[in-house]
């Protein structure tokens, strides 16, 4: 299961995840919007051994949350460093970084919504830009 695009990945044995698995798979993505990595982590830890679909989608949701955390921290550190520059150049770079921060946040939200919808349909979703730390 290594689809780096957003096409659904075929389920082993052509078995569609049942409604319960799809619900929990959807929740791991949906809770990420409101709780960051904590909600997906709790559901993944509880259900990963009994529901393969939730195991896969939980890892995907956690990978996105970890990636987003790294990017937001890096942008924050760059903004702090730019605050030391007392120049117009530093101000312009700071504004551009803040715009990048907002754009990245919106894209993460859109990816989470897309993953929530796909998981609700029983599709194995892969985020297009994400560090694959949990495999």
N, C-alpha and C. Protein backbone atom coordinates (compact mmCIF):
# COMPACT_ATOMS: atom_id res chain seq x y z
N UNK A 1 0.83 -1.19 0.00
CA UNK A 1 0.00 0.00 0.00
C UNK A 1 0.87 1.24 0.00
N UNK A 2 1.36 1.61 -1.13
CA UNK A 2 2.24 2.77 -1.16
C UNK A 2 1.78 3.78 -2.19
N UNK A 3 0.51 4.02 -2.27
CA UNK A 3 0.02 5.00 -3.24
C UNK A 3 0.36 6.40 -2.80
N UNK A 4 1.18 7.09 -3.58
CA UNK A 4 1.52 8.46 -3.21
C UNK A 4 0.53 9.44 -3.82
N UNK A 5 -0.32 8.95 -4.71
CA UNK A 5 -1.35 9.83 -5.25
C UNK A 5 -2.65 9.60 -4.47
N UNK A 6 -3.67 10.25 -4.89
CA UNK A 6 -4.93 10.17 -4.14
C UNK A 6 -5.87 9.09 -4.65
N UNK A 7 -5.38 8.22 -5.53
CA UNK A 7 -6.25 7.17 -6.02
C UNK A 7 -6.45 6.14 -4.91
N UNK A 8 -7.65 5.58 -4.83
CA UNK A 8 -7.90 4.58 -3.80
C UNK A 8 -6.99 3.37 -3.98
N UNK A 9 -6.51 2.84 -2.89
CA UNK A 9 -5.65 1.68 -2.91
C UNK A 9 -6.54 0.45 -2.74
N UNK A 10 -6.36 -0.58 -3.57
CA UNK A 10 -7.22 -1.74 -3.43
C UNK A 10 -7.05 -2.41 -2.08
N UNK A 11 -8.15 -2.87 -1.55
CA UNK A 11 -8.15 -3.55 -0.26
C UNK A 11 -7.77 -5.01 -0.49
N UNK A 12 -6.98 -5.56 0.43
CA UNK A 12 -6.60 -6.96 0.31
C UNK A 12 -7.85 -7.82 0.27
N UNK A 13 -7.79 -8.89 -0.53
CA UNK A 13 -8.88 -9.85 -0.67
C UNK A 13 -10.16 -9.20 -1.18
N UNK A 14 -10.06 -8.03 -1.77
CA UNK A 14 -11.21 -7.31 -2.32
C UNK A 14 -12.32 -7.11 -1.29
N UNK A 15 -11.98 -7.10 -0.03
CA UNK A 15 -12.98 -6.89 1.02
C UNK A 15 -13.10 -5.40 1.31
N UNK A 16 -14.31 -4.94 1.26
CA UNK A 16 -14.58 -3.53 1.59
C UNK A 16 -14.64 -3.41 3.11
N UNK A 17 -14.02 -2.36 3.68
CA UNK A 17 -14.14 -2.18 5.13
C UNK A 17 -15.62 -2.05 5.51
N UNK A 18 -15.98 -2.68 6.63
CA UNK A 18 -17.38 -2.60 7.04
C UNK A 18 -17.69 -1.20 7.58
N UNK A 19 -18.94 -0.97 7.90
CA UNK A 19 -19.37 0.37 8.31
C UNK A 19 -18.65 0.84 9.57
N UNK A 20 -18.41 -0.07 10.50
CA UNK A 20 -17.72 0.28 11.74
C UNK A 20 -16.29 0.73 11.46
N UNK A 21 -15.60 -0.01 10.59
CA UNK A 21 -14.23 0.37 10.22
C UNK A 21 -14.21 1.71 9.49
N UNK A 22 -15.14 1.90 8.59
CA UNK A 22 -15.20 3.17 7.86
C UNK A 22 -15.46 4.33 8.81
N UNK A 23 -16.31 4.11 9.80
CA UNK A 23 -16.59 5.18 10.78
C UNK A 23 -15.34 5.55 11.57
N UNK A 24 -14.65 4.54 12.07
CA UNK A 24 -13.43 4.83 12.82
C UNK A 24 -12.33 5.39 11.92
N UNK A 25 -12.26 4.90 10.67
CA UNK A 25 -11.30 5.44 9.72
C UNK A 25 -11.58 6.91 9.44
N UNK A 26 -12.84 7.25 9.34
CA UNK A 26 -13.24 8.64 9.13
C UNK A 26 -12.89 9.48 10.36
N UNK A 27 -13.13 8.91 11.55
CA UNK A 27 -12.87 9.66 12.78
C UNK A 27 -11.40 10.00 12.99
N UNK A 28 -10.50 9.11 12.57
CA UNK A 28 -9.08 9.42 12.77
C UNK A 28 -8.68 10.66 11.99
N UNK A 29 -9.29 10.85 10.82
CA UNK A 29 -8.99 12.05 10.03
C UNK A 29 -9.76 13.26 10.56
N UNK A 30 -11.02 13.07 10.89
CA UNK A 30 -11.85 14.17 11.35
C UNK A 30 -11.36 14.73 12.68
N UNK A 31 -11.00 13.87 13.60
CA UNK A 31 -10.50 14.34 14.89
C UNK A 31 -9.19 15.11 14.78
N UNK A 32 -8.42 14.79 13.74
CA UNK A 32 -7.18 15.52 13.52
C UNK A 32 -7.42 17.00 13.29
N UNK A 33 -8.57 17.35 12.74
CA UNK A 33 -8.90 18.76 12.52
C UNK A 33 -9.05 19.49 13.85
N UNK A 34 -9.64 18.81 14.83
CA UNK A 34 -9.97 19.47 16.09
C UNK A 34 -8.96 19.21 17.21
N UNK A 35 -8.25 18.08 17.17
CA UNK A 35 -7.38 17.73 18.30
C UNK A 35 -5.92 17.58 17.91
N UNK A 36 -5.57 17.88 16.67
CA UNK A 36 -4.19 17.66 16.24
C UNK A 36 -3.92 16.17 16.18
N UNK A 37 -2.80 15.73 16.73
CA UNK A 37 -2.45 14.32 16.63
C UNK A 37 -3.04 13.47 17.75
N UNK A 38 -3.60 14.09 18.80
CA UNK A 38 -4.08 13.32 19.96
C UNK A 38 -5.27 12.43 19.63
N UNK A 39 -6.29 12.97 18.97
CA UNK A 39 -7.47 12.17 18.63
C UNK A 39 -7.13 11.00 17.73
N UNK A 40 -6.43 11.24 16.61
CA UNK A 40 -6.04 10.11 15.76
C UNK A 40 -5.16 9.09 16.48
N UNK A 41 -4.28 9.57 17.35
CA UNK A 41 -3.39 8.66 18.08
C UNK A 41 -4.18 7.73 18.98
N UNK A 42 -5.15 8.27 19.72
CA UNK A 42 -5.94 7.46 20.65
C UNK A 42 -6.73 6.41 19.89
N UNK A 43 -7.43 6.82 18.83
CA UNK A 43 -8.23 5.85 18.07
C UNK A 43 -7.33 4.80 17.42
N UNK A 44 -6.22 5.24 16.85
CA UNK A 44 -5.31 4.30 16.20
C UNK A 44 -4.77 3.28 17.20
N UNK A 45 -4.35 3.74 18.38
CA UNK A 45 -3.81 2.82 19.38
C UNK A 45 -4.86 1.81 19.85
N UNK A 46 -6.10 2.25 19.95
CA UNK A 46 -7.16 1.36 20.44
C UNK A 46 -7.59 0.36 19.36
N UNK A 47 -7.70 0.78 18.11
CA UNK A 47 -8.31 -0.04 17.06
C UNK A 47 -7.34 -0.65 16.06
N UNK A 48 -6.05 -0.33 16.13
CA UNK A 48 -5.12 -0.77 15.07
C UNK A 48 -5.00 -2.28 14.94
N UNK A 49 -5.13 -3.01 16.03
CA UNK A 49 -4.94 -4.46 15.97
C UNK A 49 -6.18 -5.21 15.49
N UNK A 50 -7.35 -4.60 15.64
CA UNK A 50 -8.57 -5.30 15.26
C UNK A 50 -9.17 -4.82 13.94
N UNK A 51 -8.74 -3.65 13.46
CA UNK A 51 -9.29 -3.10 12.22
C UNK A 51 -8.16 -2.64 11.30
N UNK A 52 -7.83 -3.44 10.27
CA UNK A 52 -6.73 -3.08 9.37
C UNK A 52 -6.92 -1.74 8.67
N UNK A 53 -8.16 -1.42 8.31
CA UNK A 53 -8.44 -0.14 7.65
C UNK A 53 -8.12 1.03 8.58
N UNK A 54 -8.50 0.90 9.85
CA UNK A 54 -8.23 1.96 10.82
C UNK A 54 -6.72 2.04 11.11
N UNK A 55 -6.05 0.90 11.10
CA UNK A 55 -4.60 0.90 11.27
C UNK A 55 -3.94 1.72 10.16
N UNK A 56 -4.33 1.45 8.92
CA UNK A 56 -3.76 2.16 7.78
C UNK A 56 -4.10 3.65 7.82
N UNK A 57 -5.36 3.98 7.99
CA UNK A 57 -5.78 5.38 7.96
C UNK A 57 -5.31 6.14 9.19
N UNK A 58 -5.18 5.46 10.32
CA UNK A 58 -4.63 6.09 11.52
C UNK A 58 -3.18 6.50 11.31
N UNK A 59 -2.41 5.63 10.70
CA UNK A 59 -1.01 5.97 10.39
C UNK A 59 -0.95 7.15 9.43
N UNK A 60 -1.84 7.14 8.44
CA UNK A 60 -1.86 8.23 7.47
C UNK A 60 -2.21 9.56 8.14
N UNK A 61 -3.21 9.53 9.01
CA UNK A 61 -3.60 10.75 9.72
C UNK A 61 -2.48 11.24 10.64
N UNK A 62 -1.84 10.32 11.33
CA UNK A 62 -0.73 10.71 12.22
C UNK A 62 0.46 11.24 11.43
N UNK A 63 0.74 10.63 10.28
CA UNK A 63 1.84 11.14 9.45
C UNK A 63 1.57 12.57 9.02
N UNK A 64 0.32 12.88 8.65
CA UNK A 64 0.00 14.25 8.27
C UNK A 64 0.15 15.19 9.46
N UNK A 65 -0.31 14.78 10.62
CA UNK A 65 -0.22 15.64 11.80
C UNK A 65 1.24 15.90 12.19
N UNK A 66 2.06 14.89 12.11
CA UNK A 66 3.49 15.05 12.43
C UNK A 66 4.16 15.97 11.41
N UNK A 67 3.85 15.76 10.13
CA UNK A 67 4.40 16.61 9.07
C UNK A 67 3.99 18.06 9.30
N UNK A 68 2.71 18.28 9.58
CA UNK A 68 2.21 19.65 9.81
C UNK A 68 2.90 20.27 11.02
N UNK A 69 3.09 19.50 12.07
CA UNK A 69 3.76 20.02 13.26
C UNK A 69 5.18 20.45 12.93
N UNK A 70 5.92 19.64 12.18
CA UNK A 70 7.29 20.00 11.79
C UNK A 70 7.32 21.27 10.95
N UNK A 71 6.40 21.37 9.99
CA UNK A 71 6.39 22.54 9.11
C UNK A 71 6.02 23.79 9.91
N UNK A 72 4.99 23.70 10.74
CA UNK A 72 4.59 24.86 11.54
C UNK A 72 5.70 25.29 12.49
N UNK A 73 6.40 24.33 13.09
CA UNK A 73 7.50 24.68 13.99
C UNK A 73 8.64 25.35 13.21
N UNK A 74 8.96 24.83 12.04
CA UNK A 74 10.04 25.42 11.23
C UNK A 74 9.68 26.85 10.82
N UNK A 75 8.43 27.06 10.39
CA UNK A 75 8.01 28.41 10.01
C UNK A 75 8.02 29.35 11.21
N UNK A 76 7.62 28.85 12.37
CA UNK A 76 7.64 29.67 13.58
C UNK A 76 9.07 30.08 13.95
N UNK A 77 9.99 29.14 13.87
CA UNK A 77 11.39 29.44 14.18
C UNK A 77 11.94 30.47 13.20
N UNK A 78 11.60 30.32 11.90
CA UNK A 78 12.04 31.31 10.92
C UNK A 78 11.45 32.68 11.20
N UNK A 79 10.18 32.73 11.62
CA UNK A 79 9.57 34.02 11.96
C UNK A 79 10.27 34.66 13.16
N UNK A 80 10.61 33.87 14.15
CA UNK A 80 11.34 34.39 15.31
C UNK A 80 12.70 34.94 14.88
N UNK A 81 13.38 34.20 14.03
CA UNK A 81 14.69 34.65 13.56
C UNK A 81 14.56 35.94 12.75
N UNK A 82 13.50 36.04 11.94
CA UNK A 82 13.30 37.25 11.14
C UNK A 82 12.93 38.46 12.00
N UNK A 83 12.36 38.21 13.16
CA UNK A 83 12.00 39.34 14.03
C UNK A 83 13.23 40.10 14.51
N UNK A 84 14.38 39.44 14.45
CA UNK A 84 15.61 40.11 14.85
C UNK A 84 16.09 41.09 13.79
N UNK A 85 15.61 40.92 12.56
CA UNK A 85 16.00 41.85 11.50
C UNK A 85 15.11 43.09 11.59
N UNK A 86 15.71 44.20 11.82
CA UNK A 86 14.96 45.45 11.88
C UNK A 86 15.11 46.17 10.54
N UNK A 87 14.48 45.57 9.53
CA UNK A 87 14.58 46.16 8.21
C UNK A 87 13.30 45.89 7.43
N UNK A 88 13.17 46.59 6.33
CA UNK A 88 12.02 46.36 5.45
C UNK A 88 12.08 44.97 4.86
N UNK A 89 13.28 44.51 4.54
CA UNK A 89 13.47 43.17 4.00
C UNK A 89 12.95 42.11 4.98
N UNK A 90 13.28 42.26 6.25
CA UNK A 90 12.82 41.34 7.28
C UNK A 90 11.31 41.37 7.42
N UNK A 91 10.72 42.55 7.32
CA UNK A 91 9.27 42.69 7.41
C UNK A 91 8.58 42.00 6.24
N UNK A 92 9.10 42.19 5.04
CA UNK A 92 8.52 41.56 3.85
C UNK A 92 8.64 40.03 3.94
N UNK A 93 9.80 39.55 4.36
CA UNK A 93 9.97 38.10 4.52
C UNK A 93 9.03 37.55 5.60
N UNK A 94 8.86 38.31 6.67
CA UNK A 94 7.95 37.89 7.73
C UNK A 94 6.52 37.79 7.24
N UNK A 95 6.10 38.75 6.47
CA UNK A 95 4.73 38.72 5.91
C UNK A 95 4.58 37.54 4.96
N UNK A 96 5.59 37.30 4.13
CA UNK A 96 5.53 36.15 3.22
C UNK A 96 5.48 34.83 3.98
N UNK A 97 6.26 34.72 5.05
CA UNK A 97 6.23 33.51 5.85
C UNK A 97 4.88 33.31 6.53
N UNK A 98 4.27 34.40 7.00
CA UNK A 98 2.95 34.28 7.62
C UNK A 98 1.91 33.86 6.59
N UNK A 99 2.01 34.37 5.36
CA UNK A 99 1.11 33.94 4.30
C UNK A 99 1.31 32.47 3.97
N UNK A 100 2.57 32.03 3.96
CA UNK A 100 2.88 30.63 3.73
C UNK A 100 2.30 29.77 4.85
N UNK A 101 2.40 30.25 6.08
CA UNK A 101 1.85 29.55 7.24
C UNK A 101 0.34 29.34 7.05
N UNK A 102 -0.36 30.40 6.68
CA UNK A 102 -1.81 30.33 6.47
C UNK A 102 -2.15 29.39 5.31
N UNK A 103 -1.42 29.51 4.20
CA UNK A 103 -1.68 28.66 3.04
C UNK A 103 -1.45 27.18 3.37
N UNK A 104 -0.40 26.91 4.12
CA UNK A 104 -0.13 25.53 4.51
C UNK A 104 -1.23 25.02 5.44
N UNK A 105 -1.66 25.84 6.37
CA UNK A 105 -2.74 25.45 7.28
C UNK A 105 -4.02 25.14 6.54
N UNK A 106 -4.35 25.95 5.56
CA UNK A 106 -5.56 25.71 4.75
C UNK A 106 -5.42 24.41 3.95
N UNK A 107 -4.23 24.18 3.39
CA UNK A 107 -4.04 22.95 2.61
C UNK A 107 -4.14 21.71 3.50
N UNK A 108 -3.61 21.78 4.71
CA UNK A 108 -3.72 20.65 5.64
C UNK A 108 -5.20 20.39 5.96
N UNK A 109 -5.95 21.45 6.19
CA UNK A 109 -7.38 21.31 6.47
C UNK A 109 -8.11 20.66 5.29
N UNK A 110 -7.81 21.10 4.09
CA UNK A 110 -8.44 20.53 2.89
C UNK A 110 -8.08 19.05 2.76
N UNK A 111 -6.81 18.71 2.98
CA UNK A 111 -6.39 17.31 2.89
C UNK A 111 -7.11 16.45 3.93
N UNK A 112 -7.29 17.00 5.13
CA UNK A 112 -7.99 16.25 6.18
C UNK A 112 -9.45 16.03 5.81
N UNK A 113 -10.08 17.02 5.23
CA UNK A 113 -11.48 16.86 4.81
C UNK A 113 -11.58 15.84 3.69
N UNK A 114 -10.66 15.90 2.72
CA UNK A 114 -10.66 14.92 1.63
C UNK A 114 -10.44 13.50 2.17
N UNK A 115 -9.54 13.35 3.13
CA UNK A 115 -9.27 12.04 3.72
C UNK A 115 -10.48 11.54 4.50
N UNK A 116 -11.17 12.44 5.19
CA UNK A 116 -12.36 12.07 5.95
C UNK A 116 -13.43 11.52 5.01
N UNK A 117 -13.66 12.21 3.91
CA UNK A 117 -14.67 11.78 2.94
C UNK A 117 -14.27 10.44 2.31
N UNK A 118 -13.00 10.30 1.93
CA UNK A 118 -12.54 9.06 1.32
C UNK A 118 -12.65 7.88 2.29
N UNK A 119 -12.26 8.09 3.54
CA UNK A 119 -12.34 7.02 4.54
C UNK A 119 -13.80 6.62 4.79
N UNK A 120 -14.68 7.59 4.76
CA UNK A 120 -16.10 7.29 4.95
C UNK A 120 -16.64 6.42 3.81
N UNK A 121 -16.02 6.53 2.63
CA UNK A 121 -16.40 5.70 1.48
C UNK A 121 -15.68 4.35 1.49
N UNK A 122 -14.75 4.17 2.43
CA UNK A 122 -13.99 2.94 2.50
C UNK A 122 -12.75 2.93 1.63
N UNK A 123 -12.32 4.09 1.17
CA UNK A 123 -11.14 4.20 0.31
C UNK A 123 -9.89 4.44 1.16
N UNK A 124 -8.81 3.79 0.78
CA UNK A 124 -7.53 4.03 1.43
C UNK A 124 -6.96 5.32 0.86
N UNK A 125 -6.88 6.36 1.68
CA UNK A 125 -6.45 7.69 1.23
C UNK A 125 -4.98 7.90 1.54
N UNK A 126 -4.27 8.55 0.64
CA UNK A 126 -2.88 8.96 0.85
C UNK A 126 -2.78 10.46 0.65
N UNK A 127 -2.23 11.14 1.65
CA UNK A 127 -2.01 12.58 1.53
C UNK A 127 -0.89 12.83 0.52
N UNK A 128 -1.06 13.83 -0.35
CA UNK A 128 -0.07 14.04 -1.41
C UNK A 128 1.28 14.51 -0.92
N UNK A 129 1.33 15.30 0.13
CA UNK A 129 2.61 15.78 0.65
C UNK A 129 2.65 15.45 2.13
N UNK A 130 3.41 14.40 2.45
CA UNK A 130 3.40 13.94 3.83
C UNK A 130 4.64 13.09 4.08
N UNK A 131 5.27 13.29 5.24
CA UNK A 131 6.37 12.43 5.63
C UNK A 131 5.78 11.08 6.05
N UNK A 132 6.32 10.01 5.56
CA UNK A 132 5.82 8.67 5.90
C UNK A 132 6.68 8.12 7.04
N UNK A 133 6.45 8.63 8.25
CA UNK A 133 7.21 8.20 9.41
C UNK A 133 6.68 6.91 9.99
N UNK A 134 5.36 6.75 10.01
CA UNK A 134 4.73 5.51 10.45
C UNK A 134 4.36 4.71 9.21
N UNK A 135 4.83 3.49 9.14
CA UNK A 135 4.54 2.67 7.94
C UNK A 135 3.81 1.42 8.33
